[in-house]
Amino acid sequence: MFGNERYAFARFLAQNTVSFRHLMLQDWNDPDIPVQVYPNSGLYACYLKTEVFQKMDFAANQFLNLREIAIGTYHHATSKNDTPHFQICKREFIQAHIFPQNHSYVYDSNIQEICLSVDPTGTGKGYKFDTADFLRENNASINFDQLVDAKLVFGVKSVSLDPSDPDDTPDCYVFDITVSVSIHVGVFFACLSVCLSVCISVDG
């Protein structure tokens, strides 16, 4: 019994992780298709600053419209007046200025993290989230020389129900989804990770 429940939990997590990657990672391909993809890692690469913002904008707007676009039974876990909220965070070196022309730099290896809550309440239909504009308006623009990584953090609720078992009780779960970009030698790796926890069961 316990083994069956653990298997169902793991399968539900794995299947929905694949769904979220297709929903929130722009131009995502399955890991067995090696086009800009690192097999089995969930990573794919960005080489341009504009690509980093495009990936983040795409994920944010897919999340905001999740209930309208997704086949799966998903609901925003954190919502106010039925408006979804999420967080955008960045970690960066406190100071990192590089001057290639004279082979010098100013560098502080201490890292600071800044997290901001995104509240699209009152924005109206057709609203499009823009990462660069939001950060600029909050005095938190990205300096790529300093940036270590940036991430979007979403909360999504879903229900698991086995239609083949008439006695099965639906279970409610919360997905904590993180879409992140992290730097590595001139390349930003974009990835999506998911944690799953149990919420209050739904009576049906």
C-alpha atoms as a PDB file:
ATOM      1  CA  MET A   1       0.000   0.000   0.000  1.00  0.00           C
ATOM      2  CA  PHE A   2       2.707   2.457   1.051  1.00  0.00           C
ATOM      3  CA  GLY A   3       4.823   1.445  -1.937  1.00  0.00           C
ATOM      4  CA  ASN A   4       1.916   2.026  -4.323  1.00  0.00           C
ATOM      5  CA  GLU A   5       1.299   5.487  -2.861  1.00  0.00           C
ATOM      6  CA  ARG A   6       4.966   6.435  -3.192  1.00  0.00           C
ATOM      7  CA  TYR A   7       5.004   5.224  -6.785  1.00  0.00           C
ATOM      8  CA  ALA A   8       1.856   7.209  -7.618  1.00  0.00           C
ATOM      9  CA  PHE A   9       3.342  10.305  -5.957  1.00  0.00           C
ATOM     10  CA  ALA A  10       6.617   9.978  -7.894  1.00  0.00           C
ATOM     11  CA  ARG A  11       4.820   9.337 -11.178  1.00  0.00           C
ATOM     12  CA  PHE A  12       2.511  12.342 -10.663  1.00  0.00           C
ATOM     13  CA  LEU A  13       5.530  14.562  -9.972  1.00  0.00           C
ATOM     14  CA  ALA A  14       7.497  13.273 -12.977  1.00  0.00           C
ATOM     15  CA  GLN A  15       4.610  13.586 -15.425  1.00  0.00           C
ATOM     16  CA  ASN A  16       3.747  17.111 -14.321  1.00  0.00           C
ATOM     17  CA  THR A  17       7.389  18.204 -14.357  1.00  0.00           C
ATOM     18  CA  VAL A  18       7.490  17.287 -18.052  1.00  0.00           C
ATOM     19  CA  SER A  19       4.249  19.228 -18.582  1.00  0.00           C
ATOM     20  CA  PHE A  20       5.576  22.314 -16.813  1.00  0.00           C
ATOM     21  CA  ARG A  21       8.767  22.250 -18.885  1.00  0.00           C
ATOM     22  CA  HIS A  22       6.734  22.234 -22.079  1.00  0.00           C
ATOM     23  CA  LEU A  23       4.439  24.947 -20.727  1.00  0.00           C
ATOM     24  CA  MET A  24       7.013  27.314 -19.243  1.00  0.00           C
ATOM     25  CA  LEU A  25      10.325  26.788 -21.027  1.00  0.00           C
ATOM     26  CA  GLN A  26      10.258  28.550 -24.374  1.00  0.00           C
ATOM     27  CA  ASP A  27      10.975  26.243 -27.344  1.00  0.00           C
ATOM     28  CA  TRP A  28      11.546  23.341 -24.976  1.00  0.00           C
ATOM     29  CA  ASN A  29      12.368  19.985 -26.537  1.00  0.00           C
ATOM     30  CA  ASP A  30      12.353  16.644 -24.769  1.00  0.00           C
ATOM     31  CA  PRO A  31      15.794  15.740 -23.357  1.00  0.00           C
ATOM     32  CA  ASP A  32      16.363  12.996 -25.926  1.00  0.00           C
ATOM     33  CA  ILE A  33      16.461  15.640 -28.680  1.00  0.00           C
ATOM     34  CA  PRO A  34      19.963  17.150 -28.369  1.00  0.00           C
ATOM     35  CA  VAL A  35      19.300  20.602 -29.859  1.00  0.00           C
ATOM     36  CA  GLN A  36      20.647  23.220 -27.424  1.00  0.00           C
ATOM     37  CA  VAL A  37      19.751  20.697 -24.754  1.00  0.00           C
ATOM     38  CA  TYR A  38      21.914  18.899 -22.209  1.00  0.00           C
ATOM     39  CA  PRO A  39      20.448  15.348 -22.145  1.00  0.00           C
ATOM     40  CA  ASN A  40      18.470  14.352 -19.045  1.00  0.00           C
ATOM     41  CA  SER A  41      19.392  17.542 -17.181  1.00  0.00           C
ATOM     42  CA  GLY A  42      16.451  19.784 -18.021  1.00  0.00           C
ATOM     43  CA  LEU A  43      18.960  22.461 -19.059  1.00  0.00           C
ATOM     44  CA  TYR A  44      19.227  24.446 -22.231  1.00  0.00           C
ATOM     45  CA  ALA A  45      21.459  27.338 -23.125  1.00  0.00           C
ATOM     46  CA  CYS A  46      21.102  31.098 -23.675  1.00  0.00           C
ATOM     47  CA  TYR A  47      23.943  33.043 -25.268  1.00  0.00           C
ATOM     48  CA  LEU A  48      22.355  36.498 -25.618  1.00  0.00           C
ATOM     49  CA  LYS A  49      21.075  38.904 -22.974  1.00  0.00           C
ATOM     50  CA  THR A  50      17.847  39.251 -24.932  1.00  0.00           C
ATOM     51  CA  GLU A  51      17.382  35.457 -24.784  1.00  0.00           C
ATOM     52  CA  VAL A  52      17.606  35.475 -20.994  1.00  0.00           C
ATOM     53  CA  PHE A  53      14.814  38.044 -20.736  1.00  0.00           C
ATOM     54  CA  GLN A  54      12.752  36.274 -23.409  1.00  0.00           C
ATOM     55  CA  LYS A  55      12.921  33.001 -21.472  1.00  0.00           C
ATOM     56  CA  MET A  56      11.905  34.698 -18.224  1.00  0.00           C
ATOM     57  CA  ASP A  57       9.109  36.717 -19.866  1.00  0.00           C
ATOM     58  CA  PHE A  58       7.755  33.591 -21.543  1.00  0.00           C
ATOM     59  CA  ALA A  59       7.691  31.589 -18.282  1.00  0.00           C
ATOM     60  CA  ALA A  60       6.024  34.411 -16.354  1.00  0.00           C
ATOM     61  CA  ASN A  61       3.285  34.988 -18.909  1.00  0.00           C
ATOM     62  CA  GLN A  62       2.640  31.264 -19.319  1.00  0.00           C
ATOM     63  CA  PHE A  63       2.171  31.055 -15.543  1.00  0.00           C
ATOM     64  CA  LEU A  64      -0.196  34.036 -15.494  1.00  0.00           C
ATOM     65  CA  ASN A  65      -2.324  32.376 -18.201  1.00  0.00           C
ATOM     66  CA  LEU A  66      -1.912  28.807 -16.962  1.00  0.00           C
ATOM     67  CA  ARG A  67      -5.586  28.125 -16.285  1.00  0.00           C
ATOM     68  CA  GLU A  68      -6.535  29.200 -19.809  1.00  0.00           C
ATOM     69  CA  ILE A  69      -3.798  27.430 -21.774  1.00  0.00           C
ATOM     70  CA  ALA A  70      -2.953  24.195 -19.949  1.00  0.00           C
ATOM     71  CA  ILE A  71      -4.722  20.875 -20.477  1.00  0.00           C
ATOM     72  CA  GLY A  72      -3.852  19.815 -16.931  1.00  0.00           C
ATOM     73  CA  THR A  73      -5.998  20.742 -13.940  1.00  0.00           C
ATOM     74  CA  TYR A  74      -3.954  23.606 -12.519  1.00  0.00           C
ATOM     75  CA  HIS A  75      -4.770  26.559 -10.283  1.00  0.00           C
ATOM     76  CA  HIS A  76      -2.541  29.326  -8.974  1.00  0.00           C
ATOM     77  CA  ALA A  77      -1.578  28.401  -5.420  1.00  0.00           C
ATOM     78  CA  THR A  78      -0.946  31.969  -4.297  1.00  0.00           C
ATOM     79  CA  SER A  79      -3.641  34.309  -5.511  1.00  0.00           C
ATOM     80  CA  LYS A  80      -5.257  37.487  -4.240  1.00  0.00           C
ATOM     81  CA  ASN A  81      -8.693  38.307  -5.591  1.00  0.00           C
ATOM     82  CA  ASP A  82      -8.131  35.401  -8.009  1.00  0.00           C
ATOM     83  CA  THR A  83      -5.023  37.140  -9.392  1.00  0.00           C
ATOM     84  CA  PRO A  84      -1.850  35.040  -9.509  1.00  0.00           C
ATOM     85  CA  HIS A  85       1.272  36.206  -7.705  1.00  0.00           C
ATOM     86  CA  PHE A  86       4.850  35.065  -8.104  1.00  0.00           C
ATOM     87  CA  GLN A  87       8.384  36.055  -7.137  1.00  0.00           C
ATOM     88  CA  ILE A  88      11.386  37.119  -9.136  1.00  0.00           C
ATOM     89  CA  CYS A  89      14.792  36.789  -7.468  1.00  0.00           C
ATOM     90  CA  LYS A  90      18.357  37.460  -8.481  1.00  0.00           C
ATOM     91  CA  ARG A  91      21.694  36.668  -6.875  1.00  0.00           C
ATOM     92  CA  GLU A  92      24.659  38.786  -7.779  1.00  0.00           C
ATOM     93  CA  PHE A  93      28.149  39.715  -6.686  1.00  0.00           C
ATOM     94  CA  ILE A  94      28.058  42.908  -4.636  1.00  0.00           C
ATOM     95  CA  GLN A  95      30.582  44.404  -7.036  1.00  0.00           C
ATOM     96  CA  ALA A  96      31.953  43.115 -10.333  1.00  0.00           C
ATOM     97  CA  HIS A  97      33.285  45.534 -12.927  1.00  0.00           C
ATOM     98  CA  ILE A  98      35.557  44.170 -15.640  1.00  0.00           C
ATOM     99  CA  PHE A  99      37.713  46.351 -17.913  1.00  0.00           C
ATOM    100  CA  PRO A 100      39.162  44.136 -20.688  1.00  0.00           C
ATOM    101  CA  GLN A 101      40.854  47.057 -22.423  1.00  0.00           C
ATOM    102  CA  ASN A 102      43.419  47.467 -19.645  1.00  0.00           C
ATOM    103  CA  HIS A 103      43.217  43.980 -18.103  1.00  0.00           C
ATOM    104  CA  SER A 104      41.750  45.182 -14.806  1.00  0.00           C
ATOM    105  CA  TYR A 105      38.698  44.596 -12.685  1.00  0.00           C
ATOM    106  CA  VAL A 106      36.958  45.584  -9.452  1.00  0.00           C
ATOM    107  CA  TYR A 107      35.509  42.532  -7.773  1.00  0.00           C
ATOM    108  CA  ASP A 108      33.786  41.617  -4.489  1.00  0.00           C
ATOM    109  CA  SER A 109      32.997  37.909  -4.244  1.00  0.00           C
ATOM    110  CA  ASN A 110      30.281  38.355  -1.603  1.00  0.00           C
ATOM    111  CA  ILE A 111      26.847  37.566  -2.997  1.00  0.00           C
ATOM    112  CA  GLN A 112      23.581  39.333  -2.268  1.00  0.00           C
ATOM    113  CA  GLU A 113      20.074  38.132  -3.111  1.00  0.00           C
ATOM    114  CA  ILE A 114      17.155  40.366  -3.997  1.00  0.00           C
ATOM    115  CA  CYS A 115      13.596  38.993  -4.249  1.00  0.00           C
ATOM    116  CA  LEU A 116      10.592  40.961  -5.437  1.00  0.00           C
ATOM    117  CA  SER A 117       6.914  39.984  -5.425  1.00  0.00           C
ATOM    118  CA  VAL A 118       4.982  40.429  -8.652  1.00  0.00           C
ATOM    119  CA  ASP A 119       1.363  41.474  -8.184  1.00  0.00           C
ATOM    120  CA  PRO A 120      -0.465  41.895 -11.507  1.00  0.00           C
ATOM    121  CA  THR A 121      -3.746  42.890  -9.781  1.00  0.00           C
ATOM    122  CA  GLY A 122      -5.627  45.513 -11.773  1.00  0.00           C
ATOM    123  CA  THR A 123      -3.531  45.132 -14.906  1.00  0.00           C
ATOM    124  CA  GLY A 124      -6.484  44.013 -17.001  1.00  0.00           C
ATOM    125  CA  LYS A 125      -6.936  41.488 -19.787  1.00  0.00           C
ATOM    126  CA  GLY A 126      -4.052  41.155 -22.219  1.00  0.00           C
ATOM    127  CA  TYR A 127      -1.430  42.115 -19.629  1.00  0.00           C
ATOM    128  CA  LYS A 128       2.090  40.995 -20.564  1.00  0.00           C
ATOM    129  CA  PHE A 129       4.771  40.786 -17.900  1.00  0.00           C
ATOM    130  CA  ASP A 130       8.154  42.225 -18.896  1.00  0.00           C
ATOM    131  CA  THR A 131      11.051  41.158 -16.673  1.00  0.00           C
ATOM    132  CA  ALA A 132      13.462  43.933 -17.677  1.00  0.00           C
ATOM    133  CA  ASP A 133      10.812  46.660 -17.248  1.00  0.00           C
ATOM    134  CA  PHE A 134       9.709  45.290 -13.865  1.00  0.00           C
ATOM    135  CA  LEU A 135      13.264  45.144 -12.517  1.00  0.00           C
ATOM    136  CA  ARG A 136      14.054  48.611 -13.856  1.00  0.00           C
ATOM    137  CA  GLU A 137      10.917  50.087 -12.252  1.00  0.00           C
ATOM    138  CA  ASN A 138      11.981  48.539  -8.925  1.00  0.00           C
ATOM    139  CA  ASN A 139      15.596  49.754  -9.143  1.00  0.00           C
ATOM    140  CA  ALA A 140      16.823  46.179  -9.527  1.00  0.00           C
ATOM    141  CA  SER A 141      18.031  46.012 -13.138  1.00  0.00           C
ATOM    142  CA  ILE A 142      20.318  43.112 -14.046  1.00  0.00           C
ATOM    143  CA  ASN A 143      24.020  43.776 -14.530  1.00  0.00           C
ATOM    144  CA  PHE A 144      25.265  40.671 -16.325  1.00  0.00           C
ATOM    145  CA  ASP A 145      28.838  41.202 -15.090  1.00  0.00           C
ATOM    146  CA  GLN A 146      27.551  40.822 -11.530  1.00  0.00           C
ATOM    147  CA  LEU A 147      24.774  38.298 -12.050  1.00  0.00           C
ATOM    148  CA  VAL A 148      25.158  34.792 -10.604  1.00  0.00           C
ATOM    149  CA  ASP A 149      21.626  33.566 -11.309  1.00  0.00           C
ATOM    150  CA  ALA A 150      18.033  34.740 -11.555  1.00  0.00           C
ATOM    151  CA  LYS A 151      14.831  32.838 -10.992  1.00  0.00           C
ATOM    152  CA  LEU A 152      11.059  33.006 -11.126  1.00  0.00           C
ATOM    153  CA  VAL A 153       9.196  31.179  -8.356  1.00  0.00           C
ATOM    154  CA  PHE A 154       5.618  30.009  -8.957  1.00  0.00           C
ATOM    155  CA  GLY A 155       3.061  28.119  -6.890  1.00  0.00           C
ATOM    156  CA  VAL A 156       0.559  25.828  -8.626  1.00  0.00           C
ATOM    157  CA  LYS A 157      -2.134  23.574  -7.156  1.00  0.00           C
ATOM    158  CA  SER A 158      -3.406  20.425  -8.822  1.00  0.00           C
ATOM    159  CA  VAL A 159      -5.468  17.348  -8.048  1.00  0.00           C
ATOM    160  CA  SER A 160      -4.488  13.724  -8.656  1.00  0.00           C
ATOM    161  CA  LEU A 161      -7.274  11.254  -9.342  1.00  0.00           C
ATOM    162  CA  ASP A 162      -7.096   7.729 -10.751  1.00  0.00           C
ATOM    163  CA  PRO A 163     -10.111   7.347 -13.109  1.00  0.00           C
ATOM    164  CA  SER A 164      -9.616   3.571 -13.235  1.00  0.00           C
ATOM    165  CA  ASP A 165     -10.285   3.246  -9.501  1.00  0.00           C
ATOM    166  CA  PRO A 166     -13.874   4.231  -8.514  1.00  0.00           C
ATOM    167  CA  ASP A 167     -12.891   4.213  -4.828  1.00  0.00           C
ATOM    168  CA  ASP A 168      -9.897   6.508  -5.316  1.00  0.00           C
ATOM    169  CA  THR A 169      -9.986   9.735  -3.310  1.00  0.00           C
ATOM    170  CA  PRO A 170      -8.619  12.794  -5.116  1.00  0.00           C
ATOM    171  CA  ASP A 171      -5.459  14.198  -3.565  1.00  0.00           C
ATOM    172  CA  CYS A 172      -4.544  17.872  -3.653  1.00  0.00           C
ATOM    173  CA  TYR A 173      -0.922  18.846  -4.295  1.00  0.00           C
ATOM    174  CA  VAL A 174       1.072  22.060  -4.442  1.00  0.00           C
ATOM    175  CA  PHE A 175       3.867  22.412  -6.992  1.00  0.00           C
ATOM    176  CA  ASP A 176       6.642  24.852  -6.138  1.00  0.00           C
ATOM    177  CA  ILE A 177       8.092  25.637  -9.562  1.00  0.00           C
ATOM    178  CA  THR A 178      11.385  27.435 -10.126  1.00  0.00           C
ATOM    179  CA  VAL A 179      12.478  28.640 -13.543  1.00  0.00           C
ATOM    180  CA  SER A 180      16.085  29.797 -13.305  1.00  0.00           C
ATOM    181  CA  VAL A 181      18.952  31.022 -15.426  1.00  0.00           C
ATOM    182  CA  SER A 182      22.496  30.601 -14.138  1.00  0.00           C
ATOM    183  CA  ILE A 183      25.750  31.802 -15.686  1.00  0.00           C
ATOM    184  CA  HIS A 184      28.682  29.600 -16.667  1.00  0.00           C
ATOM    185  CA  VAL A 185      31.587  30.901 -18.768  1.00  0.00           C
ATOM    186  CA  GLY A 186      29.605  33.198 -21.051  1.00  0.00           C
ATOM    187  CA  VAL A 187      26.566  30.923 -21.243  1.00  0.00           C
ATOM    188  CA  PHE A 188      23.344  31.074 -19.281  1.00  0.00           C
ATOM    189  CA  PHE A 189      21.697  27.750 -18.567  1.00  0.00           C
ATOM    190  CA  ALA A 190      17.915  27.883 -18.272  1.00  0.00           C
ATOM    191  CA  CYS A 191      16.135  25.154 -16.318  1.00  0.00           C
ATOM    192  CA  LEU A 192      12.942  24.297 -14.480  1.00  0.00           C
ATOM    193  CA  SER A 193      12.739  22.388 -11.202  1.00  0.00           C
ATOM    194  CA  VAL A 194       9.672  21.257  -9.265  1.00  0.00           C
ATOM    195  CA  CYS A 195       9.001  20.348  -5.632  1.00  0.00           C
ATOM    196  CA  LEU A 196       5.733  18.656  -4.712  1.00  0.00           C
ATOM    197  CA  SER A 197       3.914  18.791  -1.373  1.00  0.00           C
ATOM    198  CA  VAL A 198       0.487  17.680  -0.179  1.00  0.00           C
ATOM    199  CA  CYS A 199      -2.243  20.221   0.541  1.00  0.00           C
ATOM    200  CA  ILE A 200      -5.669  19.680   2.107  1.00  0.00           C
ATOM    201  CA  SER A 201      -7.539  16.859   0.379  1.00  0.00           C
ATOM    202  CA  VAL A 202     -10.460  17.819  -1.817  1.00  0.00           C
ATOM    203  CA  ASP A 203     -13.798  16.280  -0.952  1.00  0.00           C
ATOM    204  CA  GLY A 204     -15.721  15.406  -4.029  1.00  0.00           C
END
